[in-house]
């Protein structure tokens, strides 16, 4: 059991306060949670109860911030977790939020991967798509399924090659640049070879 010795407003958010127990910083709370739970200077409170109040306070705030974060575009589980961690939320709160939003279907890495591949399959090869999804925290299983299920335009790499070579001389120097361009987009060497074939000098 400890005594609340000070409550001060947070610098970056005047709707939140810092709570000090026995002269030492204990936690941050929303002003609403502090008032609702009678956390005030001079009050006696034990650590377990303060943790409960903190969790309830934080999860409400985190729910609201997460809703705003994912409202414009889909986000992966890792992206949401990193967002909340940067906001200073505890691991317990982050885990709670992730499970809640996953249960609602608002965080779904499999659906994210399917949508991402569908959006970029015409511009990027499998290697690049896989790398980008992996960086976003999507599992190998979800990535493989999305790439396997993708409806691909087999002429996509040819269209990119044609766009790149438009107005360029069909010489070895430009062909080499074309290879590098297509490979950088994640297409395989075989795909780049096929797309470059029409521009090679006889």
Protein backbone atom coordinates (compact mmCIF):
# COMPACT_ATOMS: atom_id res chain seq x y z
CA UNK A 1 0.00 0.00 0.00
CA UNK A 2 1.29 3.45 -0.89
CA UNK A 3 0.14 7.04 -0.73
CA UNK A 4 -0.51 9.27 -3.76
CA UNK A 5 1.87 12.17 -3.20
CA UNK A 6 1.42 14.07 -6.47
CA UNK A 7 -0.67 14.16 -9.64
CA UNK A 8 0.63 16.32 -12.48
CA UNK A 9 -0.70 16.98 -16.01
CA UNK A 10 1.26 15.42 -18.84
CA UNK A 11 3.10 17.84 -21.09
CA UNK A 12 1.98 16.34 -24.41
CA UNK A 13 -1.61 15.53 -23.42
CA UNK A 14 -3.57 17.66 -20.98
CA UNK A 15 -6.22 14.94 -20.73
CA UNK A 16 -3.70 12.65 -19.05
CA UNK A 17 -1.88 12.86 -15.73
CA UNK A 18 1.21 11.37 -14.10
CA UNK A 19 0.63 9.70 -10.76
CA UNK A 20 3.34 9.61 -8.06
CA UNK A 21 3.26 7.15 -5.18
CA UNK A 22 5.40 7.92 -2.13
CA UNK A 23 7.29 10.51 -4.14
CA UNK A 24 8.13 8.26 -7.10
CA UNK A 25 6.48 8.16 -10.53
CA UNK A 26 4.04 5.24 -10.66
CA UNK A 27 2.10 5.50 -13.92
CA UNK A 28 0.19 7.65 -16.35
CA UNK A 29 -3.61 7.72 -16.37
CA UNK A 30 -6.33 9.46 -18.28
CA UNK A 31 -7.76 12.30 -16.20
CA UNK A 32 -11.16 10.62 -16.47
CA UNK A 33 -9.81 7.34 -15.04
CA UNK A 34 -8.09 9.15 -12.18
CA UNK A 35 -11.27 11.00 -11.21
CA UNK A 36 -13.52 7.95 -11.71
CA UNK A 37 -11.33 5.78 -9.47
CA UNK A 38 -10.70 8.52 -6.86
CA UNK A 39 -6.95 8.52 -7.45
CA UNK A 40 -6.07 11.80 -5.74
CA UNK A 41 -3.32 13.28 -3.63
CA UNK A 42 -3.39 11.77 -0.17
CA UNK A 43 -5.29 8.64 -1.18
CA UNK A 44 -3.96 5.24 -0.14
CA UNK A 45 -3.73 2.69 -2.97
CA UNK A 46 -1.97 -0.63 -3.52
CA UNK A 47 0.13 -1.42 -6.56
CA UNK A 48 -2.17 -4.17 -7.87
CA UNK A 49 -5.20 -1.87 -7.82
CA UNK A 50 -3.26 0.93 -9.51
CA UNK A 51 -2.21 -1.50 -12.27
CA UNK A 52 -5.87 -2.42 -12.83
CA UNK A 53 -6.85 1.23 -13.10
CA UNK A 54 -3.92 1.91 -15.44
CA UNK A 55 -4.87 -1.02 -17.69
CA UNK A 56 -8.51 0.09 -17.93
CA UNK A 57 -7.43 3.66 -18.63
CA UNK A 58 -4.86 2.69 -21.25
CA UNK A 59 -6.99 0.18 -23.14
CA UNK A 60 -9.75 2.73 -23.72
CA UNK A 61 -7.27 5.27 -25.06
CA UNK A 62 -5.49 2.62 -27.13
CA UNK A 63 -8.76 1.41 -28.65
CA UNK A 64 -9.54 4.94 -29.84
CA UNK A 65 -6.06 5.59 -31.24
CA UNK A 66 -6.02 2.21 -33.01
CA UNK A 67 -9.42 2.88 -34.58
CA UNK A 68 -8.09 6.12 -36.05
CA UNK A 69 -4.84 4.45 -37.18
CA UNK A 70 -6.53 1.65 -39.12
CA UNK A 71 -9.51 3.63 -40.43
CA UNK A 72 -7.86 4.90 -43.62
CA UNK A 73 -5.90 1.85 -44.79
CA UNK A 74 -5.49 -1.76 -43.73
CA UNK A 75 -2.66 -2.42 -41.29
CA UNK A 76 -0.85 -5.60 -40.31
CA UNK A 77 -0.66 -6.90 -36.77
CA UNK A 78 2.99 -5.84 -36.53
CA UNK A 79 2.25 -2.32 -37.79
CA UNK A 80 -0.46 -1.85 -35.15
CA UNK A 81 1.77 -3.28 -32.41
CA UNK A 82 4.63 -0.93 -33.33
CA UNK A 83 2.25 2.03 -33.51
CA UNK A 84 0.94 1.35 -30.01
CA UNK A 85 4.42 0.68 -28.61
CA UNK A 86 5.62 4.04 -29.96
CA UNK A 87 2.67 5.65 -28.18
CA UNK A 88 4.00 4.20 -24.94
CA UNK A 89 1.38 1.54 -24.24
CA UNK A 90 2.34 -1.49 -22.17
CA UNK A 91 2.71 -4.97 -23.64
CA UNK A 92 -0.46 -6.05 -21.82
CA UNK A 93 -2.47 -3.27 -23.43
CA UNK A 94 -0.97 -3.92 -26.87
CA UNK A 95 -1.84 -7.63 -26.63
CA UNK A 96 -5.37 -6.80 -25.51
CA UNK A 97 -5.91 -4.39 -28.42
CA UNK A 98 -4.51 -6.79 -31.01
CA UNK A 99 -6.75 -9.62 -29.86
CA UNK A 100 -9.81 -7.36 -29.79
CA UNK A 101 -9.31 -5.97 -33.28
CA UNK A 102 -8.39 -9.37 -34.68
CA UNK A 103 -11.60 -10.82 -33.23
CA UNK A 104 -13.56 -8.02 -34.95
CA UNK A 105 -11.81 -8.79 -38.23
CA UNK A 106 -10.22 -5.34 -38.45
CA UNK A 107 -6.71 -6.78 -38.23
CA UNK A 108 -6.28 -9.73 -40.59
CA UNK A 109 -2.82 -10.40 -41.99
CA UNK A 110 -4.12 -13.00 -44.47
CA UNK A 111 -6.61 -10.53 -45.94
CA UNK A 112 -3.94 -7.81 -45.91
CA UNK A 113 -1.58 -9.99 -47.93
CA UNK A 114 -4.30 -10.86 -50.45
CA UNK A 115 -5.21 -7.19 -50.90
CA UNK A 116 -1.58 -6.08 -51.15
CA UNK A 117 -0.71 -8.64 -53.81
CA UNK A 118 -3.85 -7.83 -55.77
CA UNK A 119 -2.99 -4.11 -55.72
CA UNK A 120 0.66 -4.43 -56.76
CA UNK A 121 0.93 -7.66 -58.77
CA UNK A 122 0.92 -5.71 -62.05
CA UNK A 123 3.86 -3.56 -60.96
CA UNK A 124 5.98 -5.84 -58.80
CA UNK A 125 7.34 -9.36 -59.00
CA UNK A 126 6.93 -12.07 -56.39
CA UNK A 127 10.33 -11.49 -54.78
CA UNK A 128 9.62 -7.83 -54.06
CA UNK A 129 6.05 -8.48 -52.93
CA UNK A 130 7.30 -11.17 -50.56
CA UNK A 131 10.02 -8.90 -49.15
CA UNK A 132 7.65 -5.99 -48.60
CA UNK A 133 5.00 -8.11 -46.89
CA UNK A 134 7.62 -9.77 -44.73
CA UNK A 135 8.87 -6.35 -43.58
CA UNK A 136 5.32 -5.56 -42.53
CA UNK A 137 5.25 -8.66 -40.35
CA UNK A 138 3.09 -10.91 -42.52
CA UNK A 139 3.87 -14.59 -42.01
CA UNK A 140 5.42 -16.80 -44.67
CA UNK A 141 2.23 -18.85 -44.72
CA UNK A 142 -0.01 -15.87 -45.50
CA UNK A 143 2.42 -14.50 -48.08
CA UNK A 144 2.66 -17.83 -49.92
CA UNK A 145 -1.12 -18.21 -49.95
CA UNK A 146 -1.63 -14.69 -51.29
CA UNK A 147 0.94 -15.16 -54.06
CA UNK A 148 -0.49 -18.54 -54.97
CA UNK A 149 -4.04 -17.20 -55.15
CA UNK A 150 -3.11 -14.09 -57.11
CA UNK A 151 -4.68 -13.66 -60.54
CA UNK A 152 -1.70 -12.52 -62.54
CA UNK A 153 -1.41 -10.79 -65.85
CA UNK A 154 1.41 -12.68 -67.52
CA UNK A 155 2.09 -9.63 -69.67
CA UNK A 156 2.70 -7.35 -66.66
CA UNK A 157 6.47 -7.64 -66.89
CA UNK A 158 6.29 -7.04 -70.66
CA UNK A 159 4.26 -3.88 -70.10
CA UNK A 160 6.82 -2.60 -67.59
CA UNK A 161 9.62 -3.38 -70.01
CA UNK A 162 7.86 -1.56 -72.83
CA UNK A 163 7.30 1.48 -70.64
CA UNK A 164 10.95 1.52 -69.55
CA UNK A 165 12.30 1.15 -73.09
CA UNK A 166 10.00 3.77 -74.62
CA UNK A 167 12.23 6.35 -76.31
CA UNK A 168 15.43 4.48 -75.40
CA UNK A 169 17.97 3.07 -77.79
CA UNK A 170 17.89 -0.72 -78.14
CA UNK A 171 21.53 -1.16 -77.22
CA UNK A 172 23.34 -3.32 -74.68
CA UNK A 173 23.68 -0.45 -72.21
CA UNK A 174 19.93 0.17 -72.12
CA UNK A 175 19.17 -3.56 -72.07
CA UNK A 176 21.37 -3.90 -68.99
CA UNK A 177 19.48 -1.05 -67.37
CA UNK A 178 16.22 -2.76 -68.24
CA UNK A 179 17.38 -5.96 -66.54
CA UNK A 180 18.31 -4.06 -63.39
CA UNK A 181 14.99 -2.21 -63.43
CA UNK A 182 12.91 -5.39 -63.72
CA UNK A 183 14.98 -7.25 -61.13
CA UNK A 184 14.59 -4.32 -58.73
CA UNK A 185 10.83 -4.67 -59.14
CA UNK A 186 11.07 -8.21 -57.85
CA UNK A 187 10.76 -10.10 -61.11
CA UNK A 188 12.91 -13.17 -61.64
CA UNK A 189 15.87 -13.26 -64.01
CA UNK A 190 13.87 -15.57 -66.30
CA UNK A 191 11.00 -13.08 -66.45
CA UNK A 192 13.40 -10.21 -67.12
CA UNK A 193 15.13 -12.25 -69.84
CA UNK A 194 11.85 -12.93 -71.61
CA UNK A 195 10.68 -9.30 -71.36
CA UNK A 196 14.01 -7.97 -72.61
CA UNK A 197 14.22 -10.31 -75.60
CA UNK A 198 12.30 -8.07 -78.08
CA UNK A 199 14.72 -5.20 -77.50
CA UNK A 200 17.95 -7.08 -78.05
CA UNK A 201 19.89 -6.37 -81.20
CA UNK A 202 19.78 -9.27 -83.65
